[in-house]
Amino acid sequence: MANFQETSMAAIFQNRLEKWSDNPMCAYKNDKGVYEDISWKQMNEMILDLAGYLLSKGINIQDKVALFSPNRYEWWISDIAILSTGAVNVPIYATNSAEEARYVIENSDSKIAICGTKDHLKRVLEVKSKLPNLTDIICIDELDKPIDGVITFSEALKLGAAANKREDIYKRIKSIKSEDIATLIYTSGTTGNPKGVMLTHNNFVSNVNQCYDVAPDLFKYDHTLLSFLPLSHSLERTVGYYLPLYTGKKVVFCGDVSKILEYFQEVRPTFIVSVPRIYEKVHSGIVSKMSVEKPIKQKLFAWAMDVAKRNLPYICNDNPRSGMFAIEYAIANKLIFTKLKEKLGLNKLQFALSGGGPLSVSDAEFFLGMGIKVLEGFGLTETTPVTNANRPDKIKPGSVGAPLKDTQVKISEEGEV
């Protein structure tokens, strides 16, 4: 059931499904600690079943559905299912308290809440009496015992399949207008309660296309991404989720961000989207460890870092190394860089995107010098979010790069964007 006009990510998913049906769309670590792939076809079955359940519960176009969960493949299923009904996804940060969740659900007028874990369910149930418009709650995790007014994710899928609403779902997807609201993302303001940022389907579709335009050649290759930033944030949602969906790249979910280095070593991603703190953590950890090594190792590392610094003009401008420096770099790469990246689980990492805050020049240059292209960008939740980005052949550490295609940036008299 392809050939949808690509006015929404739900439509784009259906079109890409025709091309990559049996390919792994994403993967997660199961209860046995083994990574398990989920194909595009399997994801689609669950998406249609959940969308069918939502329709059977009376969800109409532009109704609101809250999604209160950490990163997991069911977040994707819930999101595309919500969008496929023409409804609006209202994500809630997984770290939010019961009262913070209540405010978002109430203010958005969400009719259904999807909770990731039993703990998230507990938080919603604590404030359920204050939410008269919340008619149904779905819990992704299985329950120890039945709870009135709560249905599990697996039960919702079964009921949705039995409802047989697929033709209705396809009609809903086709009815989506690009200017329809796709999501409400609540961000904390400087004063008062969080404000809901209204983003349309066109906001996401256009920004995904703009991000793709930054480096289209990058997506010609197979990539494995690691998802660890919160999907409730527009950066991960647009660049770490919708962009790989758009380009057919596999994403592996990090089940515990506190174990991010362990996941790097196990997954060995080729592409990551991160915030500066992760780069800083890795960089400072290596420097700290080297400070207690033997003097000979410290000298060798210092020499390698000098080589890395001299490599910056080459890697930042995508120019091949030449002459004696090419030989010197090859030695440093063999003795230090390759081993270091192998130990960190970054030996396959080709590109790394950084956003959500300023990336220090020293952190950027550390990874760039070793041959990992870190592309820093800039944006706002209100811009879905990317407005600027460095390009692979023109990287300037300490800058956020040029505006994306079809983006205008104005500078005030004070020098601010």
Protein backbone atom coordinates (compact mmCIF):
# COMPACT_ATOMS: atom_id res chain seq x y z
CA MET A 1 0.00 0.00 0.00
CA ALA A 2 2.56 2.56 -1.17
CA ASN A 3 2.41 5.71 -3.32
CA PHE A 4 1.36 8.06 -0.55
CA GLN A 5 1.94 11.74 -1.04
CA GLU A 6 4.76 12.49 1.38
CA THR A 7 3.01 15.09 3.50
CA SER A 8 3.83 13.32 6.78
CA MET A 9 6.35 10.93 8.29
CA ALA A 10 3.53 8.35 8.47
CA ALA A 11 3.18 8.52 4.69
CA ILE A 12 6.94 8.41 4.19
CA PHE A 13 7.13 5.31 6.39
CA GLN A 14 4.56 3.52 4.22
CA ASN A 15 6.43 4.45 1.03
CA ARG A 16 9.80 3.33 2.40
CA LEU A 17 8.23 0.10 3.64
CA GLU A 18 7.73 -0.98 0.03
CA LYS A 19 11.47 -0.68 -0.58
CA TRP A 20 12.93 -2.07 2.63
CA SER A 21 10.20 -4.41 3.89
CA ASP A 22 12.48 -7.24 5.07
CA ASN A 23 15.42 -5.08 6.14
CA PRO A 24 16.02 -4.44 9.85
CA MET A 25 14.57 -1.05 10.73
CA CYS A 26 15.78 -1.06 14.32
CA ALA A 27 17.14 -3.30 17.06
CA TYR A 28 17.02 -3.54 20.83
CA LYS A 29 18.63 -5.59 23.58
CA ASN A 30 16.14 -8.17 24.81
CA ASP A 31 15.76 -9.58 28.34
CA LYS A 32 18.51 -12.13 27.62
CA GLY A 33 20.98 -9.39 26.70
CA VAL A 34 20.88 -10.30 23.01
CA TYR A 35 20.32 -7.67 20.30
CA GLU A 36 17.18 -8.42 18.33
CA ASP A 37 16.33 -6.91 14.94
CA ILE A 38 12.85 -5.73 13.98
CA SER A 39 12.14 -5.48 10.26
CA TRP A 40 10.19 -2.74 8.54
CA LYS A 41 7.42 -5.27 7.89
CA GLN A 42 7.22 -6.25 11.57
CA MET A 43 7.16 -2.60 12.62
CA ASN A 44 4.37 -1.90 10.14
CA GLU A 45 2.19 -4.71 11.49
CA MET A 46 2.47 -3.33 15.02
CA ILE A 47 1.94 0.26 13.84
CA LEU A 48 -1.25 -0.64 11.97
CA ASP A 49 -2.53 -2.70 14.90
CA LEU A 50 -1.96 0.12 17.39
CA ALA A 51 -3.44 2.68 15.01
CA GLY A 52 -6.44 0.38 14.65
CA TYR A 53 -6.85 0.32 18.42
CA LEU A 54 -6.67 4.11 18.60
CA LEU A 55 -9.35 4.41 15.93
CA SER A 56 -11.54 1.90 17.77
CA LYS A 57 -11.28 4.13 20.85
CA GLY A 58 -12.62 7.07 18.89
CA ILE A 59 -9.41 8.99 18.24
CA ASN A 60 -10.16 11.59 15.59
CA ILE A 61 -8.01 13.81 13.41
CA GLN A 62 -5.99 16.30 15.53
CA ASP A 63 -6.96 14.62 18.81
CA LYS A 64 -4.05 14.48 21.27
CA VAL A 65 -2.32 11.31 22.51
CA ALA A 66 0.36 11.61 25.21
CA LEU A 67 3.50 9.45 25.02
CA PHE A 68 5.34 9.13 28.35
CA SER A 69 8.23 6.74 27.79
CA PRO A 70 12.00 6.38 27.52
CA ASN A 71 13.59 5.46 24.18
CA ARG A 72 12.50 2.07 22.89
CA TYR A 73 11.17 0.67 19.63
CA GLU A 74 7.62 0.91 20.98
CA TRP A 75 8.09 4.72 21.09
CA TRP A 76 8.50 4.64 17.31
CA ILE A 77 5.49 2.35 16.89
CA SER A 78 3.36 4.62 19.07
CA ASP A 79 4.49 7.75 17.26
CA ILE A 80 3.81 6.51 13.73
CA ALA A 81 0.54 4.91 14.85
CA ILE A 82 -0.62 8.21 16.36
CA LEU A 83 0.39 10.14 13.24
CA SER A 84 -1.25 7.52 11.00
CA THR A 85 -4.62 8.29 12.58
CA GLY A 86 -4.14 12.00 11.92
CA ALA A 87 -3.83 12.59 15.66
CA VAL A 88 -1.16 14.63 17.48
CA ASN A 89 1.70 13.04 19.44
CA VAL A 90 2.34 14.80 22.77
CA PRO A 91 5.67 13.45 24.09
CA ILE A 92 6.49 13.74 27.78
CA TYR A 93 10.08 13.55 28.99
CA ALA A 94 10.67 10.18 30.64
CA THR A 95 12.25 11.95 33.63
CA ASN A 96 9.18 14.11 34.32
CA SER A 97 7.43 13.82 37.67
CA ALA A 98 3.78 12.84 38.10
CA GLU A 99 2.78 16.50 38.45
CA GLU A 100 4.79 17.55 35.38
CA ALA A 101 3.18 14.76 33.38
CA ARG A 102 -0.26 15.82 34.64
CA TYR A 103 0.31 19.38 33.45
CA VAL A 104 1.26 18.26 29.93
CA ILE A 105 -1.64 15.79 29.64
CA GLU A 106 -4.15 18.32 30.94
CA ASN A 107 -2.85 21.33 29.03
CA SER A 108 -2.72 19.41 25.75
CA ASP A 109 -6.14 17.86 26.36
CA SER A 110 -4.75 14.39 25.63
CA LYS A 111 -7.43 11.70 25.50
CA ILE A 112 -5.12 8.68 25.72
CA ALA A 113 -1.75 8.27 27.45
CA ILE A 114 0.82 5.66 26.44
CA CYS A 115 3.23 4.88 29.30
CA GLY A 116 6.54 3.13 28.77
CA THR A 117 7.25 1.41 32.07
CA LYS A 118 5.30 0.49 35.18
CA ASP A 119 6.96 3.42 36.91
CA HIS A 120 5.66 5.85 34.27
CA LEU A 121 2.24 4.26 34.59
CA LYS A 122 2.40 4.75 38.36
CA ARG A 123 3.12 8.46 37.90
CA VAL A 124 0.11 8.90 35.62
CA LEU A 125 -2.18 6.90 37.90
CA GLU A 126 -1.16 9.17 40.80
CA VAL A 127 -2.75 12.13 39.00
CA LYS A 128 -5.45 10.33 37.01
CA SER A 129 -8.22 11.71 39.24
CA LYS A 130 -7.22 15.22 38.12
CA LEU A 131 -7.48 14.31 34.43
CA PRO A 132 -11.17 13.89 33.58
CA ASN A 133 -10.54 14.02 29.82
CA LEU A 134 -8.02 11.15 29.91
CA THR A 135 -10.16 8.18 28.89
CA ASP A 136 -7.60 5.40 28.37
CA ILE A 137 -4.08 4.45 29.43
CA ILE A 138 -1.80 2.00 27.61
CA CYS A 139 1.27 0.53 29.35
CA ILE A 140 4.04 -0.81 27.13
CA ASP A 141 5.50 -3.01 29.86
CA GLU A 142 3.47 -6.02 30.96
CA LEU A 143 1.59 -5.61 34.26
CA ASP A 144 1.88 -7.80 37.36
CA LYS A 145 -1.90 -7.72 37.69
CA PRO A 146 -4.81 -6.06 35.86
CA ILE A 147 -5.50 -2.39 36.63
CA ASP A 148 -8.85 -0.75 35.93
CA GLY A 149 -8.67 1.68 33.03
CA VAL A 150 -5.27 0.38 31.89
CA ILE A 151 -4.53 -1.90 28.94
CA THR A 152 -1.15 -3.32 28.03
CA PHE A 153 0.55 -2.56 24.73
CA SER A 154 0.32 -6.21 23.64
CA GLU A 155 -3.41 -6.27 24.43
CA ALA A 156 -3.96 -3.06 22.49
CA LEU A 157 -2.20 -4.59 19.45
CA LYS A 158 -4.46 -7.68 19.59
CA LEU A 159 -7.61 -5.57 19.85
CA GLY A 160 -6.39 -3.29 17.08
CA ALA A 161 -5.75 -6.25 14.77
CA ALA A 162 -9.22 -7.63 15.52
CA ALA A 163 -10.80 -4.25 14.77
CA ASN A 164 -9.56 -4.55 11.15
CA LYS A 165 -9.21 -0.80 10.54
CA ARG A 166 -6.43 -0.85 7.95
CA GLU A 167 -8.34 0.73 5.09
CA ASP A 168 -9.52 3.45 7.46
CA ILE A 169 -5.90 4.02 8.56
CA TYR A 170 -4.70 4.39 4.97
CA LYS A 171 -7.49 6.90 4.35
CA ARG A 172 -6.44 8.84 7.44
CA ILE A 173 -2.81 8.94 6.27
CA LYS A 174 -3.89 10.22 2.85
CA SER A 175 -6.08 12.88 4.48
CA ILE A 176 -3.18 14.39 6.45
CA LYS A 177 -2.43 17.94 5.35
CA SER A 178 1.13 19.24 5.58
CA GLU A 179 -0.03 22.16 7.73
CA ASP A 180 -1.77 19.88 10.26
CA ILE A 181 -0.15 19.73 13.69
CA ALA A 182 1.95 16.59 14.17
CA THR A 183 3.16 17.16 17.71
CA LEU A 184 3.12 19.37 20.77
CA ILE A 185 6.52 19.48 22.46
CA TYR A 186 6.51 21.09 25.89
CA THR A 187 9.65 23.06 26.64
CA SER A 188 10.40 24.91 29.85
CA GLY A 189 10.22 28.66 29.44
CA THR A 190 12.07 31.31 31.41
CA THR A 191 8.92 31.98 33.44
CA GLY A 192 5.74 30.10 34.23
CA ASN A 193 4.71 26.64 33.13
CA PRO A 194 6.16 24.82 30.11
CA LYS A 195 4.86 25.98 26.75
CA GLY A 196 3.64 23.58 24.07
CA VAL A 197 5.47 24.12 20.78
CA MET A 198 3.17 23.28 17.86
CA LEU A 199 5.03 21.58 15.03
CA THR A 200 3.32 20.60 11.80
CA HIS A 201 3.90 17.60 9.57
CA ASN A 202 5.57 19.95 7.10
CA ASN A 203 7.96 21.16 9.81
CA PHE A 204 9.31 17.62 10.22
CA VAL A 205 9.25 16.59 6.55
CA SER A 206 10.99 19.78 5.40
CA ASN A 207 13.63 19.70 8.15
CA VAL A 208 14.42 16.04 7.41
CA ASN A 209 14.93 16.98 3.76
CA GLN A 210 17.10 19.93 4.78
CA CYS A 211 19.26 17.71 7.01
CA TYR A 212 19.59 15.17 4.20
CA ASP A 213 20.73 17.96 1.87
CA VAL A 214 23.69 18.75 4.18
CA ALA A 215 25.46 15.53 3.12
CA PRO A 216 23.44 13.37 0.70
CA ASP A 217 26.49 11.22 -0.13
CA LEU A 218 26.64 10.19 3.54
CA PHE A 219 23.42 8.23 3.16
CA LYS A 220 24.59 6.15 0.21
CA TYR A 221 26.26 3.78 2.65
CA ASP A 222 24.87 1.34 5.18
CA HIS A 223 24.78 2.89 8.63
CA THR A 224 23.96 1.76 12.13
CA LEU A 225 22.88 4.51 14.51
CA LEU A 226 22.65 4.33 18.28
CA SER A 227 19.64 6.08 19.81
CA PHE A 228 20.31 7.46 23.30
CA LEU A 229 19.08 11.08 23.33
CA PRO A 230 15.44 11.40 24.47
CA LEU A 231 12.97 10.93 21.63
CA SER A 232 10.76 13.48 23.37
CA HIS A 233 13.33 16.08 22.27
CA SER A 234 13.09 17.39 18.71
CA LEU A 235 16.81 16.76 17.95
CA GLU A 236 16.66 12.99 18.45
CA ARG A 237 13.22 12.76 16.92
CA THR A 238 14.14 14.58 13.72
CA VAL A 239 17.79 13.59 13.19
CA GLY A 240 18.10 10.34 15.15
CA TYR A 241 14.73 8.86 14.16
CA TYR A 242 12.98 10.49 11.20
CA LEU A 243 16.19 10.99 9.17
CA PRO A 244 17.20 7.29 9.33
CA LEU A 245 13.55 6.37 8.65
CA TYR A 246 13.66 8.62 5.58
CA THR A 247 16.93 7.09 4.36
CA GLY A 248 16.44 3.47 5.45
CA LYS A 249 19.22 3.27 8.03
CA LYS A 250 19.13 0.93 11.01
CA VAL A 251 18.86 2.31 14.55
CA VAL A 252 19.78 0.43 17.72
CA PHE A 253 18.16 1.57 20.98
CA CYS A 254 20.31 2.25 24.02
CA GLY A 255 18.38 0.87 26.96
CA ASP A 256 20.39 2.71 29.62
CA VAL A 257 22.21 5.94 28.81
CA SER A 258 24.36 5.54 31.95
CA LYS A 259 25.94 2.57 30.13
CA ILE A 260 26.50 4.46 26.90
CA LEU A 261 30.17 3.40 26.59
CA GLU A 262 29.12 -0.23 26.96
CA TYR A 263 26.59 0.22 24.16
CA PHE A 264 29.24 1.86 21.97
CA GLN A 265 31.43 -1.19 22.42
CA GLU A 266 28.63 -3.65 21.71
CA VAL A 267 26.91 -1.86 18.82
CA ARG A 268 29.91 -0.06 17.26
CA PRO A 269 27.75 2.53 15.50
CA THR A 270 28.80 4.22 12.28
CA PHE A 271 26.74 7.34 12.96
CA ILE A 272 25.57 9.00 16.19
CA VAL A 273 23.56 12.06 17.17
CA SER A 274 24.68 13.42 20.51
CA VAL A 275 24.89 16.36 22.85
CA PRO A 276 28.26 17.91 23.83
CA ARG A 277 28.30 16.18 27.23
CA ILE A 278 28.96 12.77 25.67
CA TYR A 279 31.95 14.02 23.66
CA GLU A 280 33.26 15.83 26.73
CA LYS A 281 32.85 12.72 28.88
CA VAL A 282 34.78 10.49 26.47
CA HIS A 283 37.53 13.08 25.89
CA SER A 284 38.07 13.91 29.58
CA GLY A 285 38.02 10.21 30.49
CA ILE A 286 40.85 9.44 28.06
CA VAL A 287 42.94 12.42 29.19
CA SER A 288 42.39 11.47 32.84
CA LYS A 289 43.46 7.88 32.21
CA MET A 290 46.57 8.94 30.32
CA SER A 291 47.66 11.14 33.24
CA VAL A 292 48.40 8.04 35.32
CA GLU A 293 50.11 6.02 32.57
CA LYS A 294 53.86 5.45 32.33
CA PRO A 295 55.93 8.40 31.03
CA ILE A 296 56.70 6.63 27.74
CA LYS A 297 52.99 6.15 27.03
CA GLN A 298 52.28 9.75 27.96
CA LYS A 299 54.92 10.98 25.52
CA LEU A 300 53.61 8.73 22.74
CA PHE A 301 50.07 9.98 23.36
CA ALA A 302 51.22 13.62 23.39
CA TRP A 303 52.99 13.08 20.06
CA ALA A 304 49.86 11.48 18.59
CA MET A 305 47.75 14.41 19.77
CA ASP A 306 50.15 16.78 18.03
CA VAL A 307 49.74 14.76 14.83
CA ALA A 308 45.97 14.88 15.33
CA LYS A 309 46.08 18.67 15.62
CA ARG A 310 48.04 18.94 12.39
CA ASN A 311 45.46 16.68 10.74
CA LEU A 312 42.67 19.22 11.27
CA PRO A 313 43.14 21.20 8.01
CA TYR A 314 42.90 17.94 6.08
CA ILE A 315 39.87 16.36 7.71
CA CYS A 316 37.95 19.61 8.17
CA ASN A 317 38.23 20.41 4.46
CA ASP A 318 37.99 16.81 3.23
CA ASN A 319 41.47 16.96 1.69
CA PRO A 320 43.76 13.91 1.35
CA ARG A 321 46.89 13.89 3.49
CA SER A 322 50.13 14.07 1.52
CA GLY A 323 53.89 13.92 1.79
CA MET A 324 55.69 13.06 5.01
CA PHE A 325 52.67 14.04 7.08
CA ALA A 326 50.62 11.25 5.47
CA ILE A 327 53.24 8.75 6.65
CA GLU A 328 53.41 10.30 10.12
CA TYR A 329 49.62 10.20 10.45
CA ALA A 330 49.51 6.57 9.30
CA ILE A 331 51.95 5.66 12.08
CA ALA A 332 50.00 7.60 14.72
CA ASN A 333 46.80 6.03 13.47
CA LYS A 334 48.19 2.51 13.73
CA LEU A 335 49.85 2.97 17.13
CA ILE A 336 47.28 5.16 18.88
CA PHE A 337 44.11 6.22 17.08
CA THR A 338 42.97 2.81 15.82
CA LYS A 339 43.56 1.14 19.18
CA LEU A 340 41.88 3.96 21.08
CA LYS A 341 38.80 3.94 18.86
CA GLU A 342 38.63 0.15 19.01
CA LYS A 343 38.66 0.22 22.81
CA LEU A 344 35.95 2.89 22.94
CA GLY A 345 33.73 1.13 20.42
CA LEU A 346 34.14 4.03 17.99
CA ASN A 347 36.29 2.27 15.41
CA LYS A 348 33.44 2.16 12.87
CA LEU A 349 32.16 5.67 13.61
CA GLN A 350 32.27 7.75 10.43
CA PHE A 351 30.16 10.72 11.39
CA ALA A 352 28.95 12.20 14.66
CA LEU A 353 26.48 15.04 14.95
CA SER A 354 26.46 17.41 17.92
CA GLY A 355 23.65 19.72 18.99
CA GLY A 356 21.63 20.87 21.96
CA GLY A 357 24.40 23.16 23.22
CA PRO A 358 27.86 24.48 22.33
CA LEU A 359 30.55 21.87 21.69
CA SER A 360 33.95 23.02 22.93
CA VAL A 361 36.66 23.45 20.32
CA SER A 362 39.01 21.12 22.21
CA ASP A 363 36.43 18.32 22.32
CA ALA A 364 35.62 18.74 18.62
CA GLU A 365 39.28 18.82 17.61
CA PHE A 366 40.07 15.72 19.68
CA PHE A 367 37.68 13.56 17.64
CA LEU A 368 38.34 15.29 14.32
CA GLY A 369 42.07 14.83 14.69
CA MET A 370 41.61 11.07 15.10
CA GLY A 371 39.60 10.89 11.89
CA ILE A 372 36.02 11.08 13.25
CA LYS A 373 34.04 13.80 11.54
CA VAL A 374 32.06 15.64 14.20
CA LEU A 375 29.52 17.99 12.63
CA GLU A 376 28.17 20.60 15.02
CA GLY A 377 24.83 22.23 14.34
CA PHE A 378 22.34 24.63 15.84
CA GLY A 379 18.61 24.85 16.14
CA LEU A 380 15.53 25.39 18.27
CA THR A 381 12.58 23.22 19.18
CA GLU A 382 10.47 25.75 17.28
CA THR A 383 12.50 25.09 14.11
CA THR A 384 12.10 21.28 14.35
CA PRO A 385 15.03 21.83 15.25
CA VAL A 386 18.00 22.20 12.87
CA THR A 387 18.73 25.57 11.25
CA ASN A 388 22.52 25.40 10.82
CA ALA A 389 25.11 22.65 10.41
CA ASN A 390 28.72 22.10 9.47
CA ARG A 391 29.20 20.08 6.30
CA PRO A 392 31.60 17.12 5.96
CA ASP A 393 33.84 19.05 3.56
CA LYS A 394 33.72 22.32 5.46
CA ILE A 395 34.03 21.88 9.22
CA LYS A 396 34.93 24.78 11.47
CA PRO A 397 35.32 23.76 15.14
CA GLY A 398 33.64 26.27 17.41
CA SER A 399 31.01 27.18 14.83
CA VAL A 400 27.56 25.79 14.02
CA GLY A 401 28.06 26.01 10.28
CA ALA A 402 26.05 27.61 7.51
CA PRO A 403 22.25 27.81 7.43
CA LEU A 404 20.47 24.82 5.93
CA LYS A 405 18.88 24.97 2.51
CA ASP A 406 15.95 27.43 2.34
CA THR A 407 16.83 28.87 5.77
CA GLN A 408 17.26 32.57 6.42
CA VAL A 409 19.16 33.78 9.47
CA LYS A 410 19.14 37.36 10.66
CA ILE A 411 21.63 38.87 13.11
CA SER A 412 20.49 41.58 15.51
CA GLU A 413 22.39 44.79 16.22
CA GLU A 414 23.64 43.10 19.41
CA GLY A 415 25.16 40.30 17.32
CA GLU A 416 22.63 37.65 18.30
CA VAL A 417 20.64 35.37 16.01
